[in-house]
């Protein structure tokens, strides 16, 4: 009886840890070739927070980023007006699958950076980091914003 109770407790603790890892302030990027990277993120999930983005920031730790989340998949075009640091923009569809990566966006550049159609989320991290970590199309973002029934890397997969 003790071992059965211990097994149930261990399972529950493991499930809790898996769910805790999949929190709104964390994004795990599962790489197409295996392995993963994790970032602590600020959410930009309202029109106002998406418009502000990372403007006027003078620096950002390498383990940090910003996750832009839309209400539904759409065409996403970004620019770097008033953004002081180079950024990588990682565009993902409704399943969290990375469809496009724009590397080293140039600070203050007002040229549109088009992530294409069907974008539900965009992860911004320090410029050059995506290439160094091997983040590219085919990787998957793991975050509660993606419906676990259709997500490429669902939160409930532990």
N, C-alpha and C. Protein backbone atom coordinates (compact mmCIF):
# COMPACT_ATOMS: atom_id res chain seq x y z
N UNK A 1 0.82 -1.19 0.00
CA UNK A 1 0.00 0.00 0.00
C UNK A 1 0.87 1.26 0.00
N UNK A 2 1.95 1.23 0.81
CA UNK A 2 2.83 2.39 0.86
C UNK A 2 3.45 2.69 -0.50
N UNK A 3 3.89 1.66 -1.21
CA UNK A 3 4.53 1.89 -2.50
C UNK A 3 3.54 2.44 -3.51
N UNK A 4 2.29 2.01 -3.47
CA UNK A 4 1.27 2.55 -4.37
C UNK A 4 1.02 4.02 -4.07
N UNK A 5 0.94 4.35 -2.79
CA UNK A 5 0.72 5.75 -2.40
C UNK A 5 1.93 6.59 -2.82
N UNK A 6 3.12 6.04 -2.63
CA UNK A 6 4.34 6.75 -3.04
C UNK A 6 4.38 6.98 -4.54
N UNK A 7 3.95 5.98 -5.30
CA UNK A 7 3.93 6.11 -6.75
C UNK A 7 2.95 7.19 -7.18
N UNK A 8 1.78 7.23 -6.55
CA UNK A 8 0.78 8.25 -6.87
C UNK A 8 1.32 9.63 -6.53
N UNK A 9 1.96 9.76 -5.34
CA UNK A 9 2.53 11.03 -4.94
C UNK A 9 3.62 11.46 -5.92
N UNK A 10 4.50 10.55 -6.29
CA UNK A 10 5.57 10.88 -7.24
C UNK A 10 4.99 11.31 -8.58
N UNK A 11 3.93 10.63 -9.04
CA UNK A 11 3.28 11.00 -10.30
C UNK A 11 2.70 12.40 -10.21
N UNK A 12 2.00 12.68 -9.10
CA UNK A 12 1.37 14.00 -8.91
C UNK A 12 2.43 15.09 -8.84
N UNK A 13 3.53 14.84 -8.14
CA UNK A 13 4.60 15.83 -8.05
C UNK A 13 5.23 16.05 -9.42
N UNK A 14 5.41 14.99 -10.17
CA UNK A 14 5.96 15.11 -11.52
C UNK A 14 5.03 15.91 -12.41
N UNK A 15 3.73 15.65 -12.31
CA UNK A 15 2.75 16.39 -13.11
C UNK A 15 2.75 17.86 -12.70
N UNK A 16 2.85 18.14 -11.41
CA UNK A 16 2.89 19.53 -10.94
C UNK A 16 4.12 20.23 -11.48
N UNK A 17 5.25 19.56 -11.45
CA UNK A 17 6.49 20.16 -11.96
C UNK A 17 6.36 20.45 -13.44
N UNK A 18 5.77 19.52 -14.20
CA UNK A 18 5.62 19.73 -15.64
C UNK A 18 4.71 20.93 -15.90
N UNK A 19 3.61 21.05 -15.14
CA UNK A 19 2.71 22.17 -15.33
C UNK A 19 3.36 23.47 -14.90
N UNK A 20 4.15 23.44 -13.81
CA UNK A 20 4.82 24.64 -13.34
C UNK A 20 5.82 25.13 -14.39
N UNK A 21 6.47 24.20 -15.09
CA UNK A 21 7.41 24.56 -16.14
C UNK A 21 6.71 25.24 -17.31
N UNK A 22 5.44 24.98 -17.47
CA UNK A 22 4.67 25.54 -18.57
C UNK A 22 3.79 26.66 -18.00
N UNK A 23 4.44 27.76 -17.66
CA UNK A 23 3.77 28.89 -17.02
C UNK A 23 3.76 30.09 -17.96
N UNK A 24 2.84 31.01 -17.77
CA UNK A 24 2.76 32.17 -18.66
C UNK A 24 4.06 32.95 -18.79
N UNK A 25 4.88 32.99 -17.77
CA UNK A 25 6.13 33.74 -17.81
C UNK A 25 7.32 32.96 -18.32
N UNK A 26 7.09 31.77 -18.88
CA UNK A 26 8.17 30.91 -19.40
C UNK A 26 7.82 30.41 -20.80
N UNK A 27 8.81 30.36 -21.67
CA UNK A 27 8.65 29.72 -22.98
C UNK A 27 9.78 28.73 -23.13
N UNK A 28 9.42 27.50 -23.46
CA UNK A 28 10.41 26.51 -23.82
C UNK A 28 10.39 26.39 -25.34
N UNK A 29 11.56 26.45 -25.94
CA UNK A 29 11.68 26.26 -27.39
C UNK A 29 12.27 24.88 -27.59
N UNK A 30 11.47 23.98 -28.17
CA UNK A 30 11.95 22.64 -28.49
C UNK A 30 12.53 22.66 -29.89
N UNK A 31 13.81 22.37 -29.98
CA UNK A 31 14.53 22.47 -31.24
C UNK A 31 14.19 21.31 -32.16
N UNK A 32 14.15 21.57 -33.45
CA UNK A 32 13.79 20.55 -34.44
C UNK A 32 14.75 19.37 -34.39
N UNK A 33 16.02 19.61 -34.12
CA UNK A 33 17.01 18.54 -34.08
C UNK A 33 17.18 17.90 -32.71
N UNK A 34 16.31 18.26 -31.76
CA UNK A 34 16.42 17.76 -30.39
C UNK A 34 17.01 18.84 -29.49
N UNK A 35 16.77 18.72 -28.22
CA UNK A 35 17.21 19.71 -27.26
C UNK A 35 16.19 20.82 -27.11
N UNK A 36 16.47 21.73 -26.19
CA UNK A 36 15.53 22.82 -25.97
C UNK A 36 16.25 24.02 -25.35
N UNK A 37 15.57 25.14 -25.37
CA UNK A 37 16.03 26.37 -24.74
C UNK A 37 14.84 26.95 -23.98
N UNK A 38 15.11 27.60 -22.87
CA UNK A 38 14.03 28.18 -22.05
C UNK A 38 14.30 29.66 -21.82
N UNK A 39 13.24 30.45 -21.92
CA UNK A 39 13.33 31.89 -21.70
C UNK A 39 12.26 32.33 -20.71
N UNK A 40 12.62 33.23 -19.82
CA UNK A 40 11.65 33.94 -19.00
C UNK A 40 11.14 35.08 -19.87
N UNK A 41 9.81 35.23 -19.95
CA UNK A 41 9.26 36.21 -20.88
C UNK A 41 8.26 37.14 -20.20
N UNK A 42 8.23 38.34 -20.75
CA UNK A 42 7.14 39.26 -20.48
C UNK A 42 6.11 39.00 -21.57
N UNK A 43 4.84 39.08 -21.22
CA UNK A 43 3.79 38.87 -22.22
C UNK A 43 3.35 40.19 -22.82
N UNK A 44 3.15 40.18 -24.11
CA UNK A 44 2.55 41.30 -24.83
C UNK A 44 1.29 40.72 -25.47
N UNK A 45 0.20 40.76 -24.72
CA UNK A 45 -1.03 40.09 -25.15
C UNK A 45 -2.23 41.02 -25.23
N UNK A 46 -1.97 42.32 -25.21
CA UNK A 46 -3.02 43.32 -25.43
C UNK A 46 -2.53 44.25 -26.54
N UNK A 47 -3.43 44.96 -27.20
CA UNK A 47 -2.97 45.90 -28.24
C UNK A 47 -1.94 46.91 -27.70
N UNK A 48 -2.15 47.41 -26.50
CA UNK A 48 -1.24 48.39 -25.92
C UNK A 48 0.14 47.78 -25.63
N UNK A 49 0.18 46.59 -25.02
CA UNK A 49 1.47 45.98 -24.70
C UNK A 49 2.19 45.52 -25.97
N UNK A 50 1.44 45.09 -27.00
CA UNK A 50 2.09 44.72 -28.27
C UNK A 50 2.67 45.96 -28.96
N UNK A 51 1.96 47.10 -28.88
CA UNK A 51 2.46 48.33 -29.51
C UNK A 51 3.74 48.82 -28.81
N UNK A 52 3.83 48.65 -27.51
CA UNK A 52 5.02 49.09 -26.75
C UNK A 52 6.19 48.13 -26.96
N UNK A 53 5.91 46.83 -26.89
CA UNK A 53 6.96 45.83 -27.09
C UNK A 53 8.18 46.09 -26.24
N UNK A 54 9.34 45.98 -26.85
CA UNK A 54 10.61 46.18 -26.15
C UNK A 54 11.23 47.56 -26.45
N UNK A 55 10.39 48.50 -26.85
CA UNK A 55 10.90 49.84 -27.14
C UNK A 55 11.55 50.46 -25.90
N UNK A 56 12.59 51.23 -26.14
CA UNK A 56 13.30 52.02 -25.14
C UNK A 56 14.10 51.19 -24.13
N UNK A 57 14.20 49.87 -24.31
CA UNK A 57 15.02 49.05 -23.42
C UNK A 57 16.48 49.16 -23.85
N UNK A 58 17.36 49.39 -22.91
CA UNK A 58 18.78 49.53 -23.23
C UNK A 58 19.51 48.20 -23.25
N UNK A 59 18.94 47.19 -22.59
CA UNK A 59 19.55 45.86 -22.58
C UNK A 59 18.50 44.84 -22.16
N UNK A 60 18.86 43.57 -22.35
CA UNK A 60 17.98 42.48 -21.93
C UNK A 60 18.87 41.27 -21.65
N UNK A 61 18.71 40.64 -20.48
CA UNK A 61 19.50 39.44 -20.20
C UNK A 61 19.26 38.36 -21.26
N UNK A 62 20.26 37.51 -21.51
CA UNK A 62 20.17 36.49 -22.55
C UNK A 62 19.06 35.48 -22.30
N UNK A 63 18.69 35.27 -21.06
CA UNK A 63 17.66 34.28 -20.74
C UNK A 63 16.26 34.88 -20.73
N UNK A 64 16.13 36.11 -21.20
CA UNK A 64 14.84 36.81 -21.18
C UNK A 64 14.35 37.06 -22.60
N UNK A 65 13.07 37.43 -22.68
CA UNK A 65 12.48 37.77 -23.96
C UNK A 65 11.10 38.35 -23.77
N UNK A 66 10.41 38.56 -24.87
CA UNK A 66 9.03 39.02 -24.84
C UNK A 66 8.24 38.13 -25.79
N UNK A 67 7.08 37.66 -25.32
CA UNK A 67 6.21 36.82 -26.13
C UNK A 67 4.96 37.62 -26.50
N UNK A 68 4.82 37.89 -27.78
CA UNK A 68 3.64 38.56 -28.32
C UNK A 68 2.61 37.48 -28.64
N UNK A 69 1.41 37.63 -28.12
CA UNK A 69 0.34 36.66 -28.35
C UNK A 69 -0.87 37.40 -28.92
N UNK A 70 -1.39 36.87 -30.02
CA UNK A 70 -2.57 37.45 -30.66
C UNK A 70 -3.81 36.64 -30.30
N UNK A 71 -4.97 37.26 -30.45
CA UNK A 71 -6.24 36.58 -30.16
C UNK A 71 -6.51 35.45 -31.14
N UNK A 72 -6.06 35.63 -32.38
CA UNK A 72 -6.23 34.59 -33.40
C UNK A 72 -5.09 34.73 -34.41
N UNK A 73 -4.83 33.67 -35.18
CA UNK A 73 -3.74 33.73 -36.17
C UNK A 73 -3.97 34.85 -37.18
N UNK A 74 -2.89 35.54 -37.55
CA UNK A 74 -2.98 36.67 -38.46
C UNK A 74 -1.63 36.95 -39.09
N UNK A 75 -1.63 37.88 -40.03
CA UNK A 75 -0.36 38.35 -40.60
C UNK A 75 0.29 39.23 -39.54
N UNK A 76 1.58 39.03 -39.30
CA UNK A 76 2.30 39.81 -38.28
C UNK A 76 3.48 40.51 -38.94
N UNK A 77 3.48 41.83 -38.84
CA UNK A 77 4.57 42.65 -39.37
C UNK A 77 5.07 43.53 -38.23
N UNK A 78 6.37 43.47 -37.98
CA UNK A 78 6.99 44.24 -36.90
C UNK A 78 7.93 45.28 -37.48
N UNK A 79 8.33 46.23 -36.65
CA UNK A 79 9.37 47.18 -36.98
C UNK A 79 10.17 47.45 -35.73
N UNK A 80 11.25 48.20 -35.87
CA UNK A 80 12.16 48.42 -34.75
C UNK A 80 12.19 49.88 -34.28
N UNK A 81 11.18 50.65 -34.65
CA UNK A 81 11.13 52.05 -34.22
C UNK A 81 11.26 52.12 -32.69
N UNK A 82 12.14 52.98 -32.23
CA UNK A 82 12.38 53.20 -30.80
C UNK A 82 12.89 51.98 -30.05
N UNK A 83 13.34 50.96 -30.76
CA UNK A 83 13.92 49.78 -30.14
C UNK A 83 15.43 49.95 -30.19
N UNK A 84 16.07 49.84 -29.03
CA UNK A 84 17.48 50.19 -28.89
C UNK A 84 18.43 49.02 -29.03
N UNK A 85 17.92 47.79 -28.94
CA UNK A 85 18.79 46.61 -28.99
C UNK A 85 18.42 45.73 -30.18
N UNK A 86 19.39 45.07 -30.82
CA UNK A 86 19.07 44.15 -31.92
C UNK A 86 18.29 42.95 -31.37
N UNK A 87 17.33 42.50 -32.15
CA UNK A 87 16.46 41.40 -31.71
C UNK A 87 16.33 40.32 -32.78
N UNK A 88 16.13 39.10 -32.33
CA UNK A 88 15.67 38.01 -33.19
C UNK A 88 14.17 37.89 -32.97
N UNK A 89 13.42 37.75 -34.04
CA UNK A 89 11.97 37.58 -33.96
C UNK A 89 11.63 36.19 -34.45
N UNK A 90 10.99 35.42 -33.58
CA UNK A 90 10.67 34.03 -33.86
C UNK A 90 9.15 33.93 -34.01
N UNK A 91 8.68 33.73 -35.23
CA UNK A 91 7.25 33.71 -35.55
C UNK A 91 6.73 32.28 -35.48
N UNK A 92 5.58 32.09 -34.82
CA UNK A 92 5.00 30.75 -34.66
C UNK A 92 3.52 30.76 -35.02
N UNK A 93 3.06 29.63 -35.55
CA UNK A 93 1.65 29.48 -35.93
C UNK A 93 0.81 29.08 -34.71
N UNK A 94 -0.45 28.74 -34.95
CA UNK A 94 -1.38 28.43 -33.86
C UNK A 94 -1.01 27.17 -33.09
N UNK A 95 -0.16 26.32 -33.65
CA UNK A 95 0.27 25.11 -32.94
C UNK A 95 1.56 25.35 -32.17
N UNK A 96 2.15 26.54 -32.33
CA UNK A 96 3.44 26.85 -31.70
C UNK A 96 4.62 26.49 -32.57
N UNK A 97 4.36 25.98 -33.76
CA UNK A 97 5.44 25.61 -34.68
C UNK A 97 6.09 26.88 -35.25
N UNK A 98 7.40 26.96 -35.15
CA UNK A 98 8.13 28.11 -35.68
C UNK A 98 8.11 28.04 -37.21
N UNK A 99 7.61 29.13 -37.81
CA UNK A 99 7.48 29.19 -39.26
C UNK A 99 8.52 30.10 -39.91
N UNK A 100 9.04 31.05 -39.12
CA UNK A 100 10.00 32.02 -39.67
C UNK A 100 10.80 32.62 -38.52
N UNK A 101 12.08 32.87 -38.78
CA UNK A 101 12.94 33.58 -37.82
C UNK A 101 13.60 34.73 -38.56
N UNK A 102 13.44 35.92 -38.02
CA UNK A 102 14.15 37.09 -38.54
C UNK A 102 15.28 37.38 -37.56
N UNK A 103 16.50 37.29 -38.03
CA UNK A 103 17.68 37.45 -37.17
C UNK A 103 18.20 38.88 -37.17
N UNK A 104 18.63 39.30 -36.00
CA UNK A 104 19.32 40.58 -35.84
C UNK A 104 18.60 41.78 -36.46
N UNK A 105 17.35 41.97 -36.06
CA UNK A 105 16.62 43.16 -36.50
C UNK A 105 17.40 44.39 -36.02
N UNK A 106 17.53 45.37 -36.89
CA UNK A 106 18.38 46.54 -36.66
C UNK A 106 17.65 47.59 -35.82
N UNK A 107 18.27 48.01 -34.71
CA UNK A 107 17.64 49.04 -33.88
C UNK A 107 17.24 50.28 -34.70
N UNK A 108 16.08 50.81 -34.39
CA UNK A 108 15.51 52.03 -34.97
C UNK A 108 15.04 51.88 -36.42
N UNK A 109 15.23 50.73 -37.05
CA UNK A 109 14.83 50.54 -38.45
C UNK A 109 13.31 50.47 -38.53
N UNK A 110 12.73 51.27 -39.40
CA UNK A 110 11.28 51.30 -39.54
C UNK A 110 10.78 50.45 -40.72
N UNK A 111 11.68 49.67 -41.32
CA UNK A 111 11.29 48.76 -42.39
C UNK A 111 10.47 47.63 -41.78
N UNK A 112 9.37 47.27 -42.42
CA UNK A 112 8.53 46.19 -41.91
C UNK A 112 9.23 44.84 -41.96
N UNK A 113 9.08 44.08 -40.89
CA UNK A 113 9.61 42.71 -40.81
C UNK A 113 8.39 41.80 -40.83
N UNK A 114 8.19 41.14 -41.96
CA UNK A 114 6.98 40.37 -42.20
C UNK A 114 7.18 38.92 -41.79
N UNK A 115 6.40 38.49 -40.81
CA UNK A 115 6.45 37.10 -40.34
C UNK A 115 5.52 36.19 -41.11
N UNK A 116 4.72 36.75 -42.01
CA UNK A 116 3.81 35.95 -42.81
C UNK A 116 2.43 35.84 -42.19
N UNK A 117 1.59 35.05 -42.86
CA UNK A 117 0.21 34.82 -42.41
C UNK A 117 0.17 33.71 -41.37
N UNK A 118 -0.92 33.65 -40.63
CA UNK A 118 -1.16 32.55 -39.70
C UNK A 118 -0.32 32.60 -38.43
N UNK A 119 0.20 33.77 -38.08
CA UNK A 119 1.04 33.91 -36.88
C UNK A 119 0.14 34.10 -35.65
N UNK A 120 0.35 33.29 -34.63
CA UNK A 120 -0.36 33.44 -33.36
C UNK A 120 0.55 34.05 -32.30
N UNK A 121 1.86 33.82 -32.40
CA UNK A 121 2.78 34.30 -31.38
C UNK A 121 4.13 34.64 -32.00
N UNK A 122 4.80 35.60 -31.37
CA UNK A 122 6.15 36.00 -31.79
C UNK A 122 6.99 36.11 -30.53
N UNK A 123 8.09 35.40 -30.51
CA UNK A 123 9.04 35.46 -29.41
C UNK A 123 10.20 36.34 -29.83
N UNK A 124 10.44 37.41 -29.07
CA UNK A 124 11.59 38.27 -29.32
C UNK A 124 12.66 37.98 -28.28
N UNK A 125 13.88 37.73 -28.77
CA UNK A 125 15.03 37.48 -27.90
C UNK A 125 16.19 38.32 -28.43
N UNK A 126 17.29 38.35 -27.71
CA UNK A 126 18.45 39.12 -28.13
C UNK A 126 18.93 38.69 -29.51
N UNK A 127 19.34 39.68 -30.30
CA UNK A 127 19.80 39.45 -31.66
C UNK A 127 20.97 38.48 -31.73
N UNK A 128 20.88 37.53 -32.64
CA UNK A 128 21.93 36.54 -32.86
C UNK A 128 21.79 35.29 -32.02
N UNK A 129 20.95 35.34 -31.00
CA UNK A 129 20.81 34.21 -30.08
C UNK A 129 20.11 33.01 -30.74
N UNK A 130 19.12 33.27 -31.59
CA UNK A 130 18.40 32.16 -32.24
C UNK A 130 19.36 31.31 -33.06
N UNK A 131 20.21 31.94 -33.83
CA UNK A 131 21.16 31.19 -34.67
C UNK A 131 22.14 30.41 -33.77
N UNK A 132 22.67 31.06 -32.73
CA UNK A 132 23.63 30.39 -31.85
C UNK A 132 23.01 29.19 -31.14
N UNK A 133 21.71 29.26 -30.85
CA UNK A 133 21.04 28.17 -30.13
C UNK A 133 20.41 27.14 -31.07
N UNK A 134 20.41 27.42 -32.37
CA UNK A 134 19.82 26.49 -33.33
C UNK A 134 18.31 26.60 -33.45
N UNK A 135 17.76 27.77 -33.12
CA UNK A 135 16.31 27.98 -33.22
C UNK A 135 15.99 28.41 -34.65
N UNK A 136 15.14 27.63 -35.32
CA UNK A 136 14.75 27.94 -36.68
C UNK A 136 13.40 27.32 -37.00
N UNK A 137 12.95 27.46 -38.24
CA UNK A 137 11.69 26.84 -38.64
C UNK A 137 11.70 25.35 -38.30
N UNK A 138 10.58 24.88 -37.78
CA UNK A 138 10.48 23.49 -37.37
C UNK A 138 10.61 23.31 -35.87
N UNK A 139 11.19 24.30 -35.18
CA UNK A 139 11.21 24.27 -33.71
C UNK A 139 9.78 24.50 -33.22
N UNK A 140 9.52 24.23 -31.95
CA UNK A 140 8.17 24.41 -31.41
C UNK A 140 8.24 25.17 -30.09
N UNK A 141 7.35 26.17 -29.95
CA UNK A 141 7.24 26.90 -28.70
C UNK A 141 6.28 26.17 -27.79
N UNK A 142 6.68 25.98 -26.54
CA UNK A 142 5.83 25.34 -25.53
C UNK A 142 5.43 26.41 -24.53
N UNK A 143 4.12 26.73 -24.50
CA UNK A 143 3.59 27.81 -23.66
C UNK A 143 2.08 27.60 -23.53
N UNK A 144 1.48 28.03 -22.41
CA UNK A 144 0.03 27.86 -22.23
C UNK A 144 -0.83 28.58 -23.26
N UNK A 145 -0.28 29.50 -24.04
CA UNK A 145 -1.07 30.20 -25.06
C UNK A 145 -1.51 29.28 -26.19
N UNK A 146 -0.83 28.14 -26.34
CA UNK A 146 -1.16 27.22 -27.43
C UNK A 146 -2.10 26.15 -26.93
N UNK A 147 -3.18 25.93 -27.66
CA UNK A 147 -4.20 24.94 -27.31
C UNK A 147 -3.55 23.56 -27.20
N UNK A 148 -3.63 22.93 -26.01
CA UNK A 148 -2.97 21.63 -25.85
C UNK A 148 -3.51 20.54 -26.78
N UNK A 149 -4.73 20.72 -27.29
CA UNK A 149 -5.30 19.72 -28.19
C UNK A 149 -4.62 19.74 -29.56
N UNK A 150 -4.02 20.88 -29.94
CA UNK A 150 -3.41 20.99 -31.26
C UNK A 150 -1.95 21.41 -31.23
N UNK A 151 -1.42 21.72 -30.06
CA UNK A 151 -0.06 22.26 -29.95
C UNK A 151 0.99 21.23 -30.38
N UNK A 152 2.02 21.73 -31.05
CA UNK A 152 3.15 20.90 -31.45
C UNK A 152 3.93 20.42 -30.23
N UNK A 153 3.95 21.22 -29.17
CA UNK A 153 4.62 20.87 -27.91
C UNK A 153 3.68 21.28 -26.76
N UNK A 154 2.65 20.46 -26.53
CA UNK A 154 1.62 20.85 -25.55
C UNK A 154 2.14 20.87 -24.12
N UNK A 155 1.55 21.74 -23.32
CA UNK A 155 1.94 21.84 -21.91
C UNK A 155 1.68 20.55 -21.14
N UNK A 156 0.73 19.79 -21.55
CA UNK A 156 0.39 18.57 -20.81
C UNK A 156 1.21 17.35 -21.21
N UNK A 157 2.30 17.58 -21.98
CA UNK A 157 3.12 16.44 -22.40
C UNK A 157 4.31 16.17 -21.49
N UNK A 158 4.47 17.03 -20.47
CA UNK A 158 5.54 16.82 -19.48
C UNK A 158 6.84 16.99 -20.08
